[in-house]
Amino acid sequence: MSIGIYTHYAHCDQAYLAIRLANYLRDCGESFSLYSDSFPAKLKSVYDNRVLHKKRVKYTEWTKQQTVIVWTHIPKIEQINFAQRHNILTIVVPMWQELSTPFKKTLKAADHVVALSTECRDLYQNVYKLRNACLIPFDAGIPAIKKEGNIDHRKIRVFLPWFDRNARCTQSDFLTHLEYLVRHMEEIYLSVAISSSKFSPAIAKFFQKLGDKTGRVTAHRNVEIGSRPQMYAAHDLTVFPAECDNYGLCNLMSIACGTPVLTFAVAPNTDFVYQEANGIAVKTQVDYDEHGVPHANPDYVRYVSTLQTLIAEPQHIDGMNRKVNYNLNARRKSFELGWQSILRLV
């Protein structure tokens, strides 16, 4: 049995899901192959040199070598049809932030469509009437960490993973509110991880200036995938005010690393953020785009006010640290059993 994973191999949710699935298949002893729709980026993962692409092998030739193909995006319907003509099981795991018409015909043609959150599953089943859709929750795939003892209430280490999903915050009031809080609350020691994007130079410059003014802000550029868990674990609280997310990678990784999160109450966060257990999901208005995908209409005043309360009353963070791994084992089991079933590994 050979399982093909067709992805966009770059710094994005598609590739991170592909890497997580590849790690799981490797642990199961299954044969797999990674294929990128364009020349693959260097993510500094163990799979960088194993990713095939169309300049090395044609899609049709690669497909014929597989028993199952998992797409982390919505492929052309011709690709689905070609695989099925060769008796290959077809599985599509769409990133719902990237839905663009036409996609319904392709999703209906696939053997299986995997939703990564309950609201995503409901969208596929109830709105788009997909009979082939099922839920397999994402799991970060790292050992759960539980920290011992209380945090230093005079030096609260806050982590902001500023990746592409936060890009629109550059045009919002979020930076203004955050800057004010950092400058006036000396207990905050902020670390910001910034990935490469067209927004990153401006973001890096903003936080570097804030660090020069306060001496309590550090910006990290292009943190390697393998180093990210250590960064989450080294902090007391992760703030991730993303307006929309595909499957909750940053929040789930933080929780697995023993660090509670502050985020918005929008799917998929509502599936796994348990209030004042492993984090706080700030309520805000939720809007839906033309495809039915939820987007937070962010209330940054309420969000930063909640952060201010956590810094002023850090015993709340201490309490969350004791319960931060709540339900992670069950979530991991659902991930493993879901993929075992759909890939027919058992």
Protein backbone atom coordinates (compact mmCIF):
# COMPACT_ATOMS: atom_id res chain seq x y z
CA MET A 1 0.00 0.00 0.00
CA SER A 2 1.32 3.45 -0.93
CA ILE A 3 -0.36 6.64 0.24
CA GLY A 4 0.21 9.79 -1.78
CA ILE A 5 -0.11 13.22 -0.15
CA TYR A 6 -0.63 16.01 -2.68
CA THR A 7 -0.02 19.40 -1.05
CA HIS A 8 1.29 22.93 -1.49
CA TYR A 9 4.65 22.48 0.20
CA ALA A 10 5.35 25.93 1.62
CA HIS A 11 4.89 27.74 4.94
CA CYS A 12 1.13 27.26 5.11
CA ASP A 13 -1.56 25.13 6.77
CA GLN A 14 -1.59 22.71 3.82
CA ALA A 15 2.04 21.73 4.27
CA TYR A 16 1.80 21.54 8.06
CA LEU A 17 -1.14 19.14 7.76
CA ALA A 18 0.79 17.10 5.17
CA ILE A 19 3.79 16.88 7.50
CA ARG A 20 1.59 15.81 10.42
CA LEU A 21 -0.03 13.12 8.29
CA ALA A 22 3.36 11.97 6.98
CA ASN A 23 4.67 11.66 10.54
CA TYR A 24 1.65 9.60 11.51
CA LEU A 25 2.04 7.26 8.52
CA ARG A 26 5.75 6.86 9.25
CA ASP A 27 4.96 5.91 12.84
CA CYS A 28 2.44 3.35 11.52
CA GLY A 29 5.06 1.86 9.22
CA GLU A 30 3.09 2.77 6.09
CA SER A 31 4.64 3.71 2.75
CA PHE A 32 3.87 7.25 1.58
CA SER A 33 4.94 9.88 -0.93
CA LEU A 34 4.69 13.68 -0.88
CA TYR A 35 3.87 15.60 -4.06
CA SER A 36 3.77 19.40 -4.38
CA ASP A 37 1.74 21.42 -6.88
CA SER A 38 4.75 23.72 -7.35
CA PHE A 39 8.46 23.73 -6.61
CA PRO A 40 8.62 22.86 -2.88
CA ALA A 41 9.92 25.34 -0.35
CA LYS A 42 12.54 24.50 2.26
CA LEU A 43 10.66 24.13 5.53
CA LYS A 44 13.64 22.53 7.31
CA SER A 45 11.61 19.42 7.97
CA VAL A 46 12.81 15.86 7.46
CA TYR A 47 10.73 15.68 4.26
CA ASP A 48 12.21 18.64 2.39
CA ASN A 49 14.30 16.43 0.10
CA ARG A 50 11.58 13.80 -0.38
CA VAL A 51 8.93 16.04 -1.93
CA LEU A 52 8.28 15.33 -5.59
CA HIS A 53 6.89 17.90 -8.04
CA LYS A 54 5.88 18.12 -11.67
CA LYS A 55 9.38 19.03 -12.88
CA ARG A 56 10.66 15.74 -11.46
CA VAL A 57 7.73 13.45 -12.21
CA LYS A 58 4.41 13.97 -13.96
CA TYR A 59 1.27 13.88 -11.85
CA THR A 60 -0.12 10.99 -13.91
CA GLU A 61 2.98 8.87 -13.39
CA TRP A 62 3.11 9.64 -9.68
CA THR A 63 -0.58 8.84 -9.29
CA LYS A 64 -0.26 5.40 -10.83
CA GLN A 65 2.18 4.45 -8.06
CA GLN A 66 -0.31 5.19 -5.27
CA THR A 67 -3.09 3.19 -3.64
CA VAL A 68 -4.63 6.25 -1.96
CA ILE A 69 -4.22 9.96 -2.64
CA VAL A 70 -4.89 12.62 -0.02
CA TRP A 71 -5.18 16.20 -1.29
CA THR A 72 -4.74 19.02 1.22
CA HIS A 73 -6.46 21.34 -1.26
CA ILE A 74 -9.32 21.02 -3.73
CA PRO A 75 -7.85 19.50 -6.90
CA LYS A 76 -9.12 19.72 -10.44
CA ILE A 77 -11.95 17.27 -11.00
CA GLU A 78 -9.92 15.75 -13.85
CA GLN A 79 -7.29 14.70 -11.28
CA ILE A 80 -9.96 13.01 -9.17
CA ASN A 81 -11.37 11.23 -12.22
CA PHE A 82 -7.94 10.07 -13.39
CA ALA A 83 -7.15 8.57 -9.99
CA GLN A 84 -10.51 6.83 -9.74
CA ARG A 85 -10.12 5.32 -13.22
CA HIS A 86 -7.03 3.62 -11.84
CA ASN A 87 -8.93 2.34 -8.78
CA ILE A 88 -7.18 4.75 -6.41
CA LEU A 89 -9.01 5.90 -3.30
CA THR A 90 -9.44 9.70 -3.35
CA ILE A 91 -9.56 11.80 -0.18
CA VAL A 92 -9.79 15.60 -0.12
CA VAL A 93 -9.00 17.65 2.99
CA PRO A 94 -9.89 21.22 1.96
CA MET A 95 -8.56 24.26 3.77
CA TRP A 96 -11.90 26.03 4.17
CA GLN A 97 -10.23 29.44 4.12
CA GLU A 98 -9.20 28.67 0.55
CA LEU A 99 -12.56 27.59 -0.85
CA SER A 100 -13.17 29.14 -4.26
CA THR A 101 -15.76 28.28 -6.88
CA PRO A 102 -16.24 25.88 -8.48
CA PHE A 103 -15.52 23.31 -5.78
CA LYS A 104 -18.77 21.47 -4.99
CA LYS A 105 -18.59 19.21 -8.04
CA THR A 106 -15.05 18.16 -7.18
CA LEU A 107 -15.86 17.49 -3.53
CA LYS A 108 -18.88 15.38 -4.47
CA ALA A 109 -16.73 13.34 -6.88
CA ALA A 110 -14.13 12.40 -4.24
CA ASP A 111 -14.51 9.18 -2.27
CA HIS A 112 -14.09 11.05 1.01
CA VAL A 113 -14.01 14.68 2.16
CA VAL A 114 -12.41 15.30 5.55
CA ALA A 115 -13.58 18.19 7.71
CA LEU A 116 -11.18 19.39 10.39
CA SER A 117 -13.76 20.95 12.75
CA THR A 118 -17.38 20.29 13.69
CA GLU A 119 -18.58 23.51 12.11
CA CYS A 120 -16.70 22.62 8.92
CA ARG A 121 -18.37 19.19 8.88
CA ASP A 122 -21.78 20.78 9.37
CA LEU A 123 -21.09 23.16 6.50
CA TYR A 124 -20.19 20.32 4.14
CA GLN A 125 -23.03 18.02 5.21
CA ASN A 126 -25.90 20.43 5.85
CA VAL A 127 -25.22 23.25 3.39
CA TYR A 128 -23.38 21.54 0.54
CA LYS A 129 -25.13 18.19 1.06
CA LEU A 130 -21.94 16.15 0.84
CA ARG A 131 -22.68 12.55 1.76
CA ASN A 132 -18.98 11.69 1.68
CA ALA A 133 -17.91 14.19 4.39
CA CYS A 134 -16.63 13.13 7.80
CA LEU A 135 -14.89 14.75 10.75
CA ILE A 136 -11.29 13.99 11.71
CA PRO A 137 -10.05 16.58 14.21
CA PHE A 138 -6.49 17.80 13.82
CA ASP A 139 -3.91 16.83 16.42
CA ALA A 140 -0.55 18.57 16.79
CA GLY A 141 1.27 15.26 17.08
CA ILE A 142 3.66 16.24 19.88
CA PRO A 143 3.86 14.80 23.42
CA ALA A 144 1.64 16.69 25.84
CA ILE A 145 3.54 18.78 28.40
CA LYS A 146 2.23 19.79 31.80
CA LYS A 147 4.21 22.45 33.62
CA GLU A 148 4.84 22.30 37.35
CA GLY A 149 4.48 25.18 39.76
CA ASN A 150 3.22 28.72 39.30
CA ILE A 151 4.48 31.31 36.85
CA ASP A 152 6.58 34.33 37.87
CA HIS A 153 3.90 36.96 38.48
CA ARG A 154 6.43 39.76 37.99
CA LYS A 155 7.66 38.44 34.66
CA ILE A 156 4.85 36.96 32.60
CA ARG A 157 6.18 35.54 29.34
CA VAL A 158 3.67 36.11 26.54
CA PHE A 159 4.09 34.52 23.11
CA LEU A 160 2.57 35.87 19.90
CA PRO A 161 2.97 33.49 16.90
CA TRP A 162 2.60 36.10 14.17
CA PHE A 163 2.07 34.01 11.08
CA ASP A 164 0.11 34.76 7.91
CA ARG A 165 -3.27 34.19 9.61
CA ASN A 166 -2.64 37.32 11.66
CA ALA A 167 -1.75 39.41 8.61
CA ARG A 168 -4.90 41.51 8.61
CA CYS A 169 -4.17 42.62 12.15
CA THR A 170 -1.57 44.97 10.64
CA GLN A 171 -4.41 47.17 9.42
CA SER A 172 -6.46 46.98 12.63
CA ASP A 173 -6.44 48.49 16.10
CA PHE A 174 -4.85 45.38 17.55
CA LEU A 175 -1.29 46.68 17.39
CA THR A 176 -2.28 49.99 18.95
CA HIS A 177 -4.00 48.32 21.89
CA LEU A 178 -1.21 45.77 22.34
CA GLU A 179 1.49 48.45 22.28
CA TYR A 180 -0.32 50.47 24.93
CA LEU A 181 -0.66 47.43 27.18
CA VAL A 182 2.98 46.36 26.81
CA ARG A 183 4.26 49.87 27.53
CA HIS A 184 2.13 50.30 30.67
CA MET A 185 2.28 46.81 32.20
CA GLU A 186 5.87 46.06 33.14
CA GLU A 187 5.05 42.44 33.96
CA ILE A 188 4.66 41.64 30.24
CA TYR A 189 7.66 40.12 28.48
CA LEU A 190 6.56 39.59 24.90
CA SER A 191 8.11 37.28 22.29
CA VAL A 192 6.91 37.46 18.70
CA ALA A 193 7.64 34.78 16.08
CA ILE A 194 7.35 36.21 12.56
CA SER A 195 7.22 34.06 9.42
CA SER A 196 8.23 35.21 5.97
CA SER A 197 5.47 37.03 4.11
CA LYS A 198 4.89 40.38 2.45
CA PHE A 199 3.73 41.66 5.84
CA SER A 200 6.71 40.45 7.88
CA PRO A 201 9.15 43.39 7.39
CA ALA A 202 6.61 45.92 8.69
CA ILE A 203 5.61 43.67 11.58
CA ALA A 204 9.23 43.00 12.54
CA LYS A 205 10.02 46.71 12.45
CA PHE A 206 7.03 47.51 14.68
CA PHE A 207 7.99 45.00 17.36
CA GLN A 208 11.69 45.85 17.19
CA LYS A 209 10.84 49.50 17.90
CA LEU A 210 8.57 48.44 20.75
CA GLY A 211 11.40 46.32 22.12
CA ASP A 212 13.79 49.27 21.95
CA LYS A 213 11.33 51.41 23.92
CA THR A 214 10.49 48.85 26.61
CA GLY A 215 13.35 46.36 26.70
CA ARG A 216 10.71 43.64 27.08
CA VAL A 217 9.87 42.66 23.50
CA THR A 218 11.82 40.19 21.36
CA ALA A 219 11.15 39.44 17.70
CA HIS A 220 12.17 36.07 16.21
CA ARG A 221 12.33 35.68 12.43
CA ASN A 222 11.63 32.48 10.49
CA VAL A 223 11.49 30.05 13.40
CA GLU A 224 12.04 26.50 12.15
CA ILE A 225 9.18 24.02 12.43
CA GLY A 226 11.16 21.79 14.75
CA SER A 227 11.91 24.68 17.12
CA ARG A 228 8.36 25.95 17.49
CA PRO A 229 7.23 23.57 20.27
CA GLN A 230 10.11 24.73 22.46
CA MET A 231 9.05 28.34 21.95
CA TYR A 232 5.48 27.63 23.00
CA ALA A 233 6.64 25.66 26.02
CA ALA A 234 8.99 28.44 27.15
CA HIS A 235 6.12 30.91 27.66
CA ASP A 236 3.26 31.35 30.10
CA LEU A 237 0.52 32.43 27.70
CA THR A 238 0.02 32.35 23.93
CA VAL A 239 -1.99 35.14 22.33
CA PHE A 240 -3.35 34.25 18.90
CA PRO A 241 -6.05 36.69 17.71
CA ALA A 242 -6.62 35.12 14.29
CA GLU A 243 -9.89 36.08 12.63
CA CYS A 244 -10.18 32.75 10.82
CA ASP A 245 -8.30 29.46 10.98
CA ASN A 246 -8.32 26.19 9.10
CA TYR A 247 -7.77 23.73 11.94
CA GLY A 248 -6.16 25.54 14.89
CA LEU A 249 -2.50 24.62 14.44
CA CYS A 250 -1.01 27.38 16.61
CA ASN A 251 -3.49 27.06 19.45
CA LEU A 252 -3.36 23.26 19.51
CA MET A 253 0.44 23.23 19.47
CA SER A 254 0.54 25.73 22.33
CA ILE A 255 -1.91 23.69 24.42
CA ALA A 256 0.04 20.49 23.77
CA CYS A 257 3.18 22.31 24.94
CA GLY A 258 1.49 23.18 28.23
CA THR A 259 0.83 26.85 27.47
CA PRO A 260 -2.77 28.14 27.64
CA VAL A 261 -4.08 30.34 24.85
CA LEU A 262 -6.01 33.57 24.43
CA THR A 263 -7.95 33.55 21.18
CA PHE A 264 -11.32 34.38 19.63
CA ALA A 265 -14.44 32.23 20.02
CA VAL A 266 -14.68 31.21 16.38
CA ALA A 267 -14.35 27.77 14.75
CA PRO A 268 -12.23 25.70 14.97
CA ASN A 269 -11.17 27.17 18.35
CA THR A 270 -14.61 26.49 19.79
CA ASP A 271 -13.95 22.75 19.37
CA PHE A 272 -11.00 22.55 21.73
CA VAL A 273 -10.57 25.74 23.80
CA TYR A 274 -12.29 25.06 27.12
CA GLN A 275 -12.88 28.29 29.01
CA GLU A 276 -10.36 28.82 31.82
CA ALA A 277 -9.15 25.22 31.48
CA ASN A 278 -6.71 25.36 28.55
CA GLY A 279 -7.40 28.91 27.46
CA ILE A 280 -9.88 31.71 27.00
CA ALA A 281 -11.88 32.23 23.81
CA VAL A 282 -13.00 35.85 23.70
CA LYS A 283 -16.54 36.27 22.42
CA THR A 284 -16.91 38.46 19.35
CA GLN A 285 -19.26 38.89 16.43
CA VAL A 286 -18.87 36.18 13.79
CA ASP A 287 -19.56 36.83 10.11
CA TYR A 288 -19.70 34.32 7.26
CA ASP A 289 -18.21 34.67 3.80
CA GLU A 290 -19.93 33.72 0.55
CA HIS A 291 -18.97 30.06 1.06
CA GLY A 292 -20.30 29.85 4.61
CA VAL A 293 -16.89 29.97 6.32
CA PRO A 294 -16.93 31.81 9.68
CA HIS A 295 -14.71 34.83 10.24
CA ALA A 296 -14.44 36.72 13.52
CA ASN A 297 -15.35 40.38 13.34
CA PRO A 298 -12.76 40.98 16.03
CA ASP A 299 -13.44 43.02 19.13
CA TYR A 300 -9.83 43.92 19.93
CA VAL A 301 -10.84 46.14 22.83
CA ARG A 302 -12.43 43.16 24.60
CA TYR A 303 -9.54 40.91 23.57
CA VAL A 304 -6.80 43.17 24.95
CA SER A 305 -8.92 43.92 28.01
CA THR A 306 -9.01 40.16 28.72
CA LEU A 307 -5.23 40.02 28.29
CA GLN A 308 -4.91 42.93 30.73
CA THR A 309 -6.98 41.03 33.31
CA LEU A 310 -4.82 37.91 32.94
CA ILE A 311 -1.66 39.92 33.46
CA ALA A 312 -3.11 41.79 36.44
CA GLU A 313 -4.50 38.58 37.98
CA PRO A 314 -1.96 35.91 36.92
CA GLN A 315 -3.48 33.32 39.23
CA HIS A 316 -5.89 32.66 36.35
CA ILE A 317 -2.93 31.57 34.22
CA ASP A 318 -1.68 29.38 37.09
CA GLY A 319 -5.08 27.72 37.22
CA MET A 320 -5.13 27.05 33.47
CA ASN A 321 -1.63 25.57 33.61
CA ARG A 322 -2.97 22.82 35.86
CA LYS A 323 -5.70 21.86 33.36
CA VAL A 324 -4.13 22.85 30.04
CA ASN A 325 -3.94 19.31 28.58
CA TYR A 326 -7.66 18.70 29.08
CA ASN A 327 -9.10 16.36 26.41
CA LEU A 328 -5.89 16.20 24.34
CA ASN A 329 -5.60 12.41 24.62
CA ALA A 330 -9.16 11.93 23.38
CA ARG A 331 -8.52 14.31 20.49
CA ARG A 332 -5.38 12.42 19.48
CA LYS A 333 -7.24 9.13 19.60
CA SER A 334 -9.94 10.57 17.33
CA PHE A 335 -7.26 11.73 14.88
CA GLU A 336 -5.58 8.32 14.78
CA LEU A 337 -8.76 6.25 14.56
CA GLY A 338 -10.22 8.58 11.95
CA TRP A 339 -7.26 8.24 9.62
CA GLN A 340 -6.94 4.51 10.27
CA SER A 341 -10.53 4.06 9.18
CA ILE A 342 -10.53 6.33 6.13
CA LEU A 343 -7.17 5.08 4.84
CA ARG A 344 -8.25 1.49 5.54
CA LEU A 345 -5.16 0.79 7.62
CA VAL A 346 -7.06 -1.71 9.78
